[in-house]
């Protein structure tokens, strides 16, 4: 058999539906460095806030979206929309 064996977890140990799989180490104070390949892929910059969710025994981290009222202008058409409701729905992911 030549080349890397490919099974349920693909050739890099990750399930085939995972686009990128990396390993990071938790430091003394609970800090985890996000590898540069992941930061570049997601556009994560220094000082950016991340939303952290615990789901199904794992940790899901994603960039926290910041949407201004200007970004939402015209989204609802002529309907009256409460800005507070929009902000709550964006924070509920």
PDB file of N, CA and C in Angstrom:
ATOM      1  N   UNK A   1       0.845  -1.177   0.000  1.00  0.00           N
ATOM      2  CA  UNK A   1       0.000   0.000   0.000  1.00  0.00           C
ATOM      3  C   UNK A   1       0.892   1.242   0.000  1.00  0.00           C
ATOM      4  N   UNK A   2       0.719   2.137  -0.966  1.00  0.00           N
ATOM      5  CA  UNK A   2       1.545   3.332  -1.032  1.00  0.00           C
ATOM      6  C   UNK A   2       0.735   4.548  -0.660  1.00  0.00           C
ATOM      7  N   UNK A   3       1.428   5.604  -0.175  1.00  0.00           N
ATOM      8  CA  UNK A   3       0.742   6.835   0.218  1.00  0.00           C
ATOM      9  C   UNK A   3       0.102   6.679   1.588  1.00  0.00           C
ATOM     10  N   UNK A   4      -0.545   7.747   2.038  1.00  0.00           N
ATOM     11  CA  UNK A   4      -1.177   7.748   3.361  1.00  0.00           C
ATOM     12  C   UNK A   4      -2.494   6.996   3.302  1.00  0.00           C
ATOM     13  N   UNK A   5      -2.765   6.245   4.357  1.00  0.00           N
ATOM     14  CA  UNK A   5      -4.037   5.530   4.438  1.00  0.00           C
ATOM     15  C   UNK A   5      -5.152   6.536   4.663  1.00  0.00           C
ATOM     16  N   UNK A   6      -6.264   6.350   3.985  1.00  0.00           N
ATOM     17  CA  UNK A   6      -7.376   7.277   4.129  1.00  0.00           C
ATOM     18  C   UNK A   6      -8.594   6.509   4.612  1.00  0.00           C
ATOM     19  N   UNK A   7      -9.107   6.892   5.764  1.00  0.00           N
ATOM     20  CA  UNK A   7     -10.274   6.225   6.310  1.00  0.00           C
ATOM     21  C   UNK A   7     -11.325   7.247   6.692  1.00  0.00           C
ATOM     22  N   UNK A   8     -12.126   6.933   7.697  1.00  0.00           N
ATOM     23  CA  UNK A   8     -13.174   7.831   8.168  1.00  0.00           C
ATOM     24  C   UNK A   8     -12.608   9.189   8.551  1.00  0.00           C
ATOM     25  N   UNK A   9     -11.412   9.195   9.100  1.00  0.00           N
ATOM     26  CA  UNK A   9     -10.824  10.448   9.561  1.00  0.00           C
ATOM     27  C   UNK A   9      -9.889  11.083   8.540  1.00  0.00           C
ATOM     28  N   UNK A  10      -9.905  10.662   7.312  1.00  0.00           N
ATOM     29  CA  UNK A  10      -9.068  11.282   6.291  1.00  0.00           C
ATOM     30  C   UNK A  10      -7.592  11.032   6.568  1.00  0.00           C
ATOM     31  N   UNK A  11      -6.733  11.769   5.906  1.00  0.00           N
ATOM     32  CA  UNK A  11      -5.296  11.536   6.043  1.00  0.00           C
ATOM     33  C   UNK A  11      -4.669  12.342   7.178  1.00  0.00           C
ATOM     34  N   UNK A  12      -5.353  13.376   7.685  1.00  0.00           N
ATOM     35  CA  UNK A  12      -4.752  14.188   8.735  1.00  0.00           C
ATOM     36  C   UNK A  12      -5.376  13.950  10.109  1.00  0.00           C
ATOM     37  N   UNK A  13      -6.162  12.893  10.265  1.00  0.00           N
ATOM     38  CA  UNK A  13      -6.775  12.583  11.547  1.00  0.00           C
ATOM     39  C   UNK A  13      -8.087  13.303  11.801  1.00  0.00           C
ATOM     40  N   UNK A  14      -8.509  14.146  10.874  1.00  0.00           N
ATOM     41  CA  UNK A  14      -9.758  14.889  11.027  1.00  0.00           C
ATOM     42  C   UNK A  14     -10.841  14.240  10.174  1.00  0.00           C
ATOM     43  N   UNK A  15     -12.113  14.360  10.595  1.00  0.00           N
ATOM     44  CA  UNK A  15     -13.198  13.842   9.758  1.00  0.00           C
ATOM     45  C   UNK A  15     -13.153  14.518   8.389  1.00  0.00           C
ATOM     46  N   UNK A  16     -13.595  13.843   7.325  1.00  0.00           N
ATOM     47  CA  UNK A  16     -13.480  14.389   5.975  1.00  0.00           C
ATOM     48  C   UNK A  16     -14.220  15.705   5.756  1.00  0.00           C
ATOM     49  N   UNK A  17     -15.228  16.026   6.572  1.00  0.00           N
ATOM     50  CA  UNK A  17     -15.975  17.266   6.391  1.00  0.00           C
ATOM     51  C   UNK A  17     -15.278  18.458   7.044  1.00  0.00           C
ATOM     52  N   UNK A  18     -14.218  18.227   7.823  1.00  0.00           N
ATOM     53  CA  UNK A  18     -13.471  19.310   8.456  1.00  0.00           C
ATOM     54  C   UNK A  18     -12.466  19.854   7.445  1.00  0.00           C
ATOM     55  N   UNK A  19     -12.511  21.157   7.186  1.00  0.00           N
ATOM     56  CA  UNK A  19     -11.638  21.776   6.195  1.00  0.00           C
ATOM     57  C   UNK A  19     -10.213  21.959   6.714  1.00  0.00           C
ATOM     58  N   UNK A  20     -10.061  22.184   8.013  1.00  0.00           N
ATOM     59  CA  UNK A  20      -8.751  22.407   8.595  1.00  0.00           C
ATOM     60  C   UNK A  20      -8.777  21.866  10.014  1.00  0.00           C
ATOM     61  N   UNK A  21      -7.785  21.096  10.362  1.00  0.00           N
ATOM     62  CA  UNK A  21      -7.709  20.537  11.706  1.00  0.00           C
ATOM     63  C   UNK A  21      -6.306  20.778  12.234  1.00  0.00           C
ATOM     64  N   UNK A  22      -6.206  21.435  13.393  1.00  0.00           N
ATOM     65  CA  UNK A  22      -4.912  21.724  14.002  1.00  0.00           C
ATOM     66  C   UNK A  22      -4.975  21.381  15.480  1.00  0.00           C
ATOM     67  N   UNK A  23      -3.816  21.290  16.093  1.00  0.00           N
ATOM     68  CA  UNK A  23      -3.734  21.020  17.524  1.00  0.00           C
ATOM     69  C   UNK A  23      -3.108  22.224  18.205  1.00  0.00           C
ATOM     70  N   UNK A  24      -3.630  22.587  19.363  1.00  0.00           N
ATOM     71  CA  UNK A  24      -3.080  23.681  20.159  1.00  0.00           C
ATOM     72  C   UNK A  24      -2.920  23.183  21.589  1.00  0.00           C
ATOM     73  N   UNK A  25      -2.042  23.821  22.342  1.00  0.00           N
ATOM     74  CA  UNK A  25      -1.757  23.428  23.719  1.00  0.00           C
ATOM     75  C   UNK A  25      -2.319  24.478  24.666  1.00  0.00           C
ATOM     76  N   UNK A  26      -2.955  24.034  25.744  1.00  0.00           N
ATOM     77  CA  UNK A  26      -3.455  24.941  26.774  1.00  0.00           C
ATOM     78  C   UNK A  26      -2.295  25.260  27.708  1.00  0.00           C
ATOM     79  N   UNK A  27      -2.003  26.552  27.882  1.00  0.00           N
ATOM     80  CA  UNK A  27      -0.911  26.984  28.744  1.00  0.00           C
ATOM     81  C   UNK A  27      -1.378  27.102  30.197  1.00  0.00           C
ATOM     82  N   UNK A  28      -0.457  27.433  31.094  1.00  0.00           N
ATOM     83  CA  UNK A  28      -0.736  27.491  32.537  1.00  0.00           C
ATOM     84  C   UNK A  28      -1.999  28.264  32.899  1.00  0.00           C
ATOM     85  N   UNK A  29      -2.169  29.435  32.370  1.00  0.00           N
ATOM     86  CA  UNK A  29      -3.315  30.283  32.738  1.00  0.00           C
ATOM     87  C   UNK A  29      -4.537  30.029  31.851  1.00  0.00           C
ATOM     88  N   UNK A  30      -4.557  28.897  31.159  1.00  0.00           N
ATOM     89  CA  UNK A  30      -5.692  28.558  30.312  1.00  0.00           C
ATOM     90  C   UNK A  30      -5.630  29.187  28.937  1.00  0.00           C
ATOM     91  N   UNK A  31      -4.519  29.801  28.602  1.00  0.00           N
ATOM     92  CA  UNK A  31      -4.380  30.441  27.292  1.00  0.00           C
ATOM     93  C   UNK A  31      -4.146  29.399  26.211  1.00  0.00           C
ATOM     94  N   UNK A  32      -4.748  29.661  25.057  1.00  0.00           N
ATOM     95  CA  UNK A  32      -4.564  28.814  23.888  1.00  0.00           C
ATOM     96  C   UNK A  32      -4.180  29.731  22.729  1.00  0.00           C
ATOM     97  N   UNK A  33      -3.106  29.428  22.048  1.00  0.00           N
ATOM     98  CA  UNK A  33      -2.703  30.207  20.884  1.00  0.00           C
ATOM     99  C   UNK A  33      -3.398  29.617  19.659  1.00  0.00           C
ATOM    100  N   UNK A  34      -4.119  30.461  18.942  1.00  0.00           N
ATOM    101  CA  UNK A  34      -4.782  30.015  17.721  1.00  0.00           C
ATOM    102  C   UNK A  34      -3.728  30.060  16.604  1.00  0.00           C
ATOM    103  N   UNK A  35      -3.445  28.920  15.985  1.00  0.00           N
ATOM    104  CA  UNK A  35      -2.406  28.893  14.947  1.00  0.00           C
ATOM    105  C   UNK A  35      -2.662  29.905  13.829  1.00  0.00           C
ATOM    106  N   UNK A  36      -1.580  30.423  13.257  1.00  0.00           N
ATOM    107  CA  UNK A  36      -1.696  31.470  12.231  1.00  0.00           C
ATOM    108  C   UNK A  36      -2.521  31.016  11.028  1.00  0.00           C
ATOM    109  N   UNK A  37      -2.454  29.732  10.673  1.00  0.00           N
ATOM    110  CA  UNK A  37      -3.245  29.258   9.531  1.00  0.00           C
ATOM    111  C   UNK A  37      -4.739  29.444   9.781  1.00  0.00           C
ATOM    112  N   UNK A  38      -5.165  29.202  11.028  1.00  0.00           N
ATOM    113  CA  UNK A  38      -6.577  29.372  11.389  1.00  0.00           C
ATOM    114  C   UNK A  38      -6.931  30.853  11.441  1.00  0.00           C
ATOM    115  N   UNK A  39      -6.051  31.669  12.061  1.00  0.00           N
ATOM    116  CA  UNK A  39      -6.306  33.112  12.150  1.00  0.00           C
ATOM    117  C   UNK A  39      -6.441  33.723  10.755  1.00  0.00           C
ATOM    118  N   UNK A  40      -5.561  33.325   9.849  1.00  0.00           N
ATOM    119  CA  UNK A  40      -5.616  33.868   8.480  1.00  0.00           C
ATOM    120  C   UNK A  40      -6.889  33.432   7.770  1.00  0.00           C
ATOM    121  N   UNK A  41      -7.260  32.156   7.911  1.00  0.00           N
ATOM    122  CA  UNK A  41      -8.451  31.637   7.234  1.00  0.00           C
ATOM    123  C   UNK A  41      -9.718  32.351   7.698  1.00  0.00           C
ATOM    124  N   UNK A  42      -9.784  32.701   8.997  1.00  0.00           N
ATOM    125  CA  UNK A  42     -10.983  33.322   9.554  1.00  0.00           C
ATOM    126  C   UNK A  42     -10.889  34.838   9.678  1.00  0.00           C
ATOM    127  N   UNK A  43      -9.731  35.397   9.315  1.00  0.00           N
ATOM    128  CA  UNK A  43      -9.565  36.848   9.401  1.00  0.00           C
ATOM    129  C   UNK A  43      -9.501  37.354  10.829  1.00  0.00           C
ATOM    130  N   UNK A  44      -8.991  36.538  11.741  1.00  0.00           N
ATOM    131  CA  UNK A  44      -8.900  36.918  13.150  1.00  0.00           C
ATOM    132  C   UNK A  44      -7.653  37.777  13.349  1.00  0.00           C
ATOM    133  N   UNK A  45      -7.842  38.957  13.919  1.00  0.00           N
ATOM    134  CA  UNK A  45      -6.757  39.904  14.182  1.00  0.00           C
ATOM    135  C   UNK A  45      -6.600  40.107  15.688  1.00  0.00           C
ATOM    136  N   UNK A  46      -5.449  40.614  16.107  1.00  0.00           N
ATOM    137  CA  UNK A  46      -5.195  40.909  17.523  1.00  0.00           C
ATOM    138  C   UNK A  46      -6.259  41.864  18.052  1.00  0.00           C
ATOM    139  N   UNK A  47      -6.788  41.581  19.220  1.00  0.00           N
ATOM    140  CA  UNK A  47      -7.795  42.427  19.847  1.00  0.00           C
ATOM    141  C   UNK A  47      -9.226  42.092  19.453  1.00  0.00           C
ATOM    142  N   UNK A  48      -9.407  41.228  18.477  1.00  0.00           N
ATOM    143  CA  UNK A  48     -10.743  40.849  18.016  1.00  0.00           C
ATOM    144  C   UNK A  48     -11.416  39.958  19.066  1.00  0.00           C
ATOM    145  N   UNK A  49     -12.714  40.149  19.285  1.00  0.00           N
ATOM    146  CA  UNK A  49     -13.450  39.321  20.242  1.00  0.00           C
ATOM    147  C   UNK A  49     -13.907  38.031  19.576  1.00  0.00           C
ATOM    148  N   UNK A  50     -13.847  36.938  20.352  1.00  0.00           N
ATOM    149  CA  UNK A  50     -14.328  35.642  19.880  1.00  0.00           C
ATOM    150  C   UNK A  50     -15.489  35.201  20.757  1.00  0.00           C
ATOM    151  N   UNK A  51     -16.478  34.604  20.151  1.00  0.00           N
ATOM    152  CA  UNK A  51     -17.603  34.015  20.888  1.00  0.00           C
ATOM    153  C   UNK A  51     -17.231  32.565  21.147  1.00  0.00           C
ATOM    154  N   UNK A  52     -17.354  32.123  22.395  1.00  0.00           N
ATOM    155  CA  UNK A  52     -16.992  30.754  22.770  1.00  0.00           C
ATOM    156  C   UNK A  52     -18.241  30.033  23.247  1.00  0.00           C
ATOM    157  N   UNK A  53     -18.544  28.904  22.613  1.00  0.00           N
ATOM    158  CA  UNK A  53     -19.680  28.062  22.991  1.00  0.00           C
ATOM    159  C   UNK A  53     -19.171  26.677  23.349  1.00  0.00           C
ATOM    160  N   UNK A  54     -19.813  26.056  24.333  1.00  0.00           N
ATOM    161  CA  UNK A  54     -19.509  24.667  24.677  1.00  0.00           C
ATOM    162  C   UNK A  54     -20.673  23.842  24.150  1.00  0.00           C
ATOM    163  N   UNK A  55     -20.379  22.938  23.201  1.00  0.00           N
ATOM    164  CA  UNK A  55     -21.425  22.128  22.562  1.00  0.00           C
ATOM    165  C   UNK A  55     -20.942  20.695  22.410  1.00  0.00           C
ATOM    166  N   UNK A  56     -21.780  19.766  22.769  1.00  0.00           N
ATOM    167  CA  UNK A  56     -21.513  18.335  22.569  1.00  0.00           C
ATOM    168  C   UNK A  56     -20.126  17.918  23.046  1.00  0.00           C
ATOM    169  N   UNK A  57     -19.727  18.421  24.200  1.00  0.00           N
ATOM    170  CA  UNK A  57     -18.444  18.042  24.779  1.00  0.00           C
ATOM    171  C   UNK A  57     -17.250  18.700  24.119  1.00  0.00           C
ATOM    172  N   UNK A  58     -17.470  19.726  23.317  1.00  0.00           N
ATOM    173  CA  UNK A  58     -16.372  20.414  22.647  1.00  0.00           C
ATOM    174  C   UNK A  58     -16.510  21.919  22.774  1.00  0.00           C
ATOM    175  N   UNK A  59     -15.496  22.624  22.313  1.00  0.00           N
ATOM    176  CA  UNK A  59     -15.480  24.080  22.356  1.00  0.00           C
ATOM    177  C   UNK A  59     -15.580  24.593  20.926  1.00  0.00           C
ATOM    178  N   UNK A  60     -16.484  25.540  20.704  1.00  0.00           N
ATOM    179  CA  UNK A  60     -16.632  26.169  19.398  1.00  0.00           C
ATOM    180  C   UNK A  60     -16.311  27.647  19.576  1.00  0.00           C
ATOM    181  N   UNK A  61     -15.297  28.114  18.865  1.00  0.00           N
ATOM    182  CA  UNK A  61     -14.916  29.525  18.919  1.00  0.00           C
ATOM    183  C   UNK A  61     -15.109  30.120  17.536  1.00  0.00           C
ATOM    184  N   UNK A  62     -15.720  31.314  17.494  1.00  0.00           N
ATOM    185  CA  UNK A  62     -15.874  31.988  16.207  1.00  0.00           C
ATOM    186  C   UNK A  62     -15.780  33.489  16.424  1.00  0.00           C
ATOM    187  N   UNK A  63     -15.352  34.216  15.393  1.00  0.00           N
ATOM    188  CA  UNK A  63     -15.277  35.672  15.534  1.00  0.00           C
ATOM    189  C   UNK A  63     -16.651  36.239  15.869  1.00  0.00           C
ATOM    190  N   UNK A  64     -16.690  37.150  16.841  1.00  0.00           N
ATOM    191  CA  UNK A  64     -17.942  37.799  17.212  1.00  0.00           C
ATOM    192  C   UNK A  64     -18.266  38.828  16.141  1.00  0.00           C
ATOM    193  N   UNK A  65     -19.468  38.732  15.613  1.00  0.00           N
ATOM    194  CA  UNK A  65     -19.878  39.663  14.561  1.00  0.00           C
ATOM    195  C   UNK A  65     -20.235  41.010  15.160  1.00  0.00           C
ATOM    196  N   UNK A  66     -19.766  42.039  14.515  1.00  0.00           N
ATOM    197  CA  UNK A  66     -20.148  43.394  14.896  1.00  0.00           C
ATOM    198  C   UNK A  66     -20.861  44.004  13.709  1.00  0.00           C
ATOM    199  N   UNK A  67     -22.137  44.304  13.897  1.00  0.00           N
ATOM    200  CA  UNK A  67     -22.949  44.847  12.825  1.00  0.00           C
ATOM    201  C   UNK A  67     -23.443  46.209  13.265  1.00  0.00           C
ATOM    202  N   UNK A  68     -23.270  47.195  12.414  1.00  0.00           N
ATOM    203  CA  UNK A  68     -23.761  48.535  12.734  1.00  0.00           C
ATOM    204  C   UNK A  68     -25.158  48.714  12.142  1.00  0.00           C
ATOM    205  N   UNK A  69     -25.856  49.732  12.612  1.00  0.00           N
ATOM    206  CA  UNK A  69     -27.184  50.035  12.077  1.00  0.00           C
ATOM    207  C   UNK A  69     -27.083  50.349  10.588  1.00  0.00           C
ATOM    208  N   UNK A  70     -25.978  50.969  10.172  1.00  0.00           N
ATOM    209  CA  UNK A  70     -25.781  51.302   8.757  1.00  0.00           C
ATOM    210  C   UNK A  70     -25.717  50.036   7.902  1.00  0.00           C
ATOM    211  N   UNK A  71     -25.096  48.968   8.443  1.00  0.00           N
ATOM    212  CA  UNK A  71     -25.023  47.695   7.724  1.00  0.00           C
ATOM    213  C   UNK A  71     -26.412  47.112   7.478  1.00  0.00           C
ATOM    214  N   UNK A  72     -27.350  47.416   8.362  1.00  0.00           N
ATOM    215  CA  UNK A  72     -28.685  46.830   8.303  1.00  0.00           C
ATOM    216  C   UNK A  72     -29.699  47.702   7.555  1.00  0.00           C
ATOM    217  N   UNK A  73     -29.281  48.881   7.139  1.00  0.00           N
ATOM    218  CA  UNK A  73     -30.179  49.807   6.472  1.00  0.00           C
ATOM    219  C   UNK A  73     -30.807  49.155   5.241  1.00  0.00           C
ATOM    220  N   UNK A  74     -32.125  49.098   5.216  1.00  0.00           N
ATOM    221  CA  UNK A  74     -32.847  48.551   4.083  1.00  0.00           C
ATOM    222  C   UNK A  74     -33.074  47.051   4.123  1.00  0.00           C
ATOM    223  N   UNK A  75     -32.513  46.361   5.097  1.00  0.00           N
ATOM    224  CA  UNK A  75     -32.653  44.906   5.170  1.00  0.00           C
ATOM    225  C   UNK A  75     -34.109  44.493   5.342  1.00  0.00           C
ATOM    226  N   UNK A  76     -34.855  45.217   6.148  1.00  0.00           N
ATOM    227  CA  UNK A  76     -36.242  44.852   6.439  1.00  0.00           C
ATOM    228  C   UNK A  76     -37.237  45.541   5.516  1.00  0.00           C
ATOM    229  N   UNK A  77     -36.769  46.246   4.511  1.00  0.00           N
ATOM    230  CA  UNK A  77     -37.685  46.949   3.619  1.00  0.00           C
ATOM    231  C   UNK A  77     -38.358  48.087   4.354  1.00  0.00           C
ATOM    232  N   UNK A  78     -39.658  48.233   4.161  1.00  0.00           N
ATOM    233  CA  UNK A  78     -40.399  49.335   4.784  1.00  0.00           C
ATOM    234  C   UNK A  78     -40.975  48.961   6.144  1.00  0.00           C
ATOM    235  N   UNK A  79     -40.752  47.720   6.579  1.00  0.00           N
ATOM    236  CA  UNK A  79     -41.257  47.255   7.866  1.00  0.00           C
ATOM    237  C   UNK A  79     -40.563  47.986   9.010  1.00  0.00           C
ATOM    238  N   UNK A  80     -41.300  48.213  10.115  1.00  0.00           N
ATOM    239  CA  UNK A  80     -40.670  48.800  11.301  1.00  0.00           C
ATOM    240  C   UNK A  80     -40.009  47.667  12.078  1.00  0.00           C
ATOM    241  N   UNK A  81     -38.751  47.863  12.381  1.00  0.00           N
ATOM    242  CA  UNK A  81     -37.990  46.852  13.099  1.00  0.00           C
ATOM    243  C   UNK A  81     -37.311  47.513  14.280  1.00  0.00           C
ATOM    244  N   UNK A  82     -37.409  46.856  15.434  1.00  0.00           N
ATOM    245  CA  UNK A  82     -36.769  47.353  16.648  1.00  0.00           C
ATOM    246  C   UNK A  82     -35.299  46.940  16.627  1.00  0.00           C
ATOM    247  N   UNK A  83     -34.386  47.903  16.719  1.00  0.00           N
ATOM    248  CA  UNK A  83     -32.957  47.629  16.677  1.00  0.00           C
ATOM    249  C   UNK A  83     -32.545  46.663  17.786  1.00  0.00           C
ATOM    250  N   UNK A  84     -33.196  46.756  18.944  1.00  0.00           N
ATOM    251  CA  UNK A  84     -32.892  45.857  20.077  1.00  0.00           C
ATOM    252  C   UNK A  84     -33.171  44.402  19.683  1.00  0.00           C
ATOM    253  N   UNK A  85     -34.271  44.156  18.974  1.00  0.00           N
ATOM    254  CA  UNK A  85     -34.605  42.800  18.526  1.00  0.00           C
ATOM    255  C   UNK A  85     -33.539  42.270  17.570  1.00  0.00           C
ATOM    256  N   UNK A  86     -33.050  43.105  16.685  1.00  0.00           N
ATOM    257  CA  UNK A  86     -32.020  42.700  15.730  1.00  0.00           C
ATOM    258  C   UNK A  86     -30.743  42.335  16.473  1.00  0.00           C
ATOM    259  N   UNK A  87     -30.344  43.183  17.424  1.00  0.00           N
ATOM    260  CA  UNK A  87     -29.119  42.916  18.185  1.00  0.00           C
ATOM    261  C   UNK A  87     -29.225  41.614  18.963  1.00  0.00           C
ATOM    262  N   UNK A  88     -30.386  41.345  19.554  1.00  0.00           N
ATOM    263  CA  UNK A  88     -30.580  40.096  20.294  1.00  0.00           C
ATOM    264  C   UNK A  88     -30.484  38.893  19.377  1.00  0.00           C
ATOM    265  N   UNK A  89     -31.070  38.986  18.194  1.00  0.00           N
ATOM    266  CA  UNK A  89     -31.019  37.840  17.274  1.00  0.00           C
ATOM    267  C   UNK A  89     -29.601  37.586  16.776  1.00  0.00           C
ATOM    268  N   UNK A  90     -28.795  38.638  16.612  1.00  0.00           N
ATOM    269  CA  UNK A  90     -27.409  38.452  16.190  1.00  0.00           C
ATOM    270  C   UNK A  90     -26.567  37.822  17.281  1.00  0.00           C
ATOM    271  N   UNK A  91     -26.886  38.104  18.546  1.00  0.00           N
ATOM    272  CA  UNK A  91     -26.126  37.532  19.659  1.00  0.00           C
ATOM    273  C   UNK A  91     -26.552  36.125  20.000  1.00  0.00           C
ATOM    274  N   UNK A  92     -27.642  35.626  19.425  1.00  0.00           N
ATOM    275  CA  UNK A  92     -28.186  34.325  19.825  1.00  0.00           C
ATOM    276  C   UNK A  92     -27.560  33.143  19.129  1.00  0.00           C
ATOM    277  N   UNK A  93     -26.565  33.352  18.192  1.00  0.00           N
ATOM    278  CA  UNK A  93     -25.994  32.172  17.538  1.00  0.00           C
ATOM    279  C   UNK A  93     -25.367  31.352  18.570  1.00  0.00           C
TER     280      UNK A  93
END
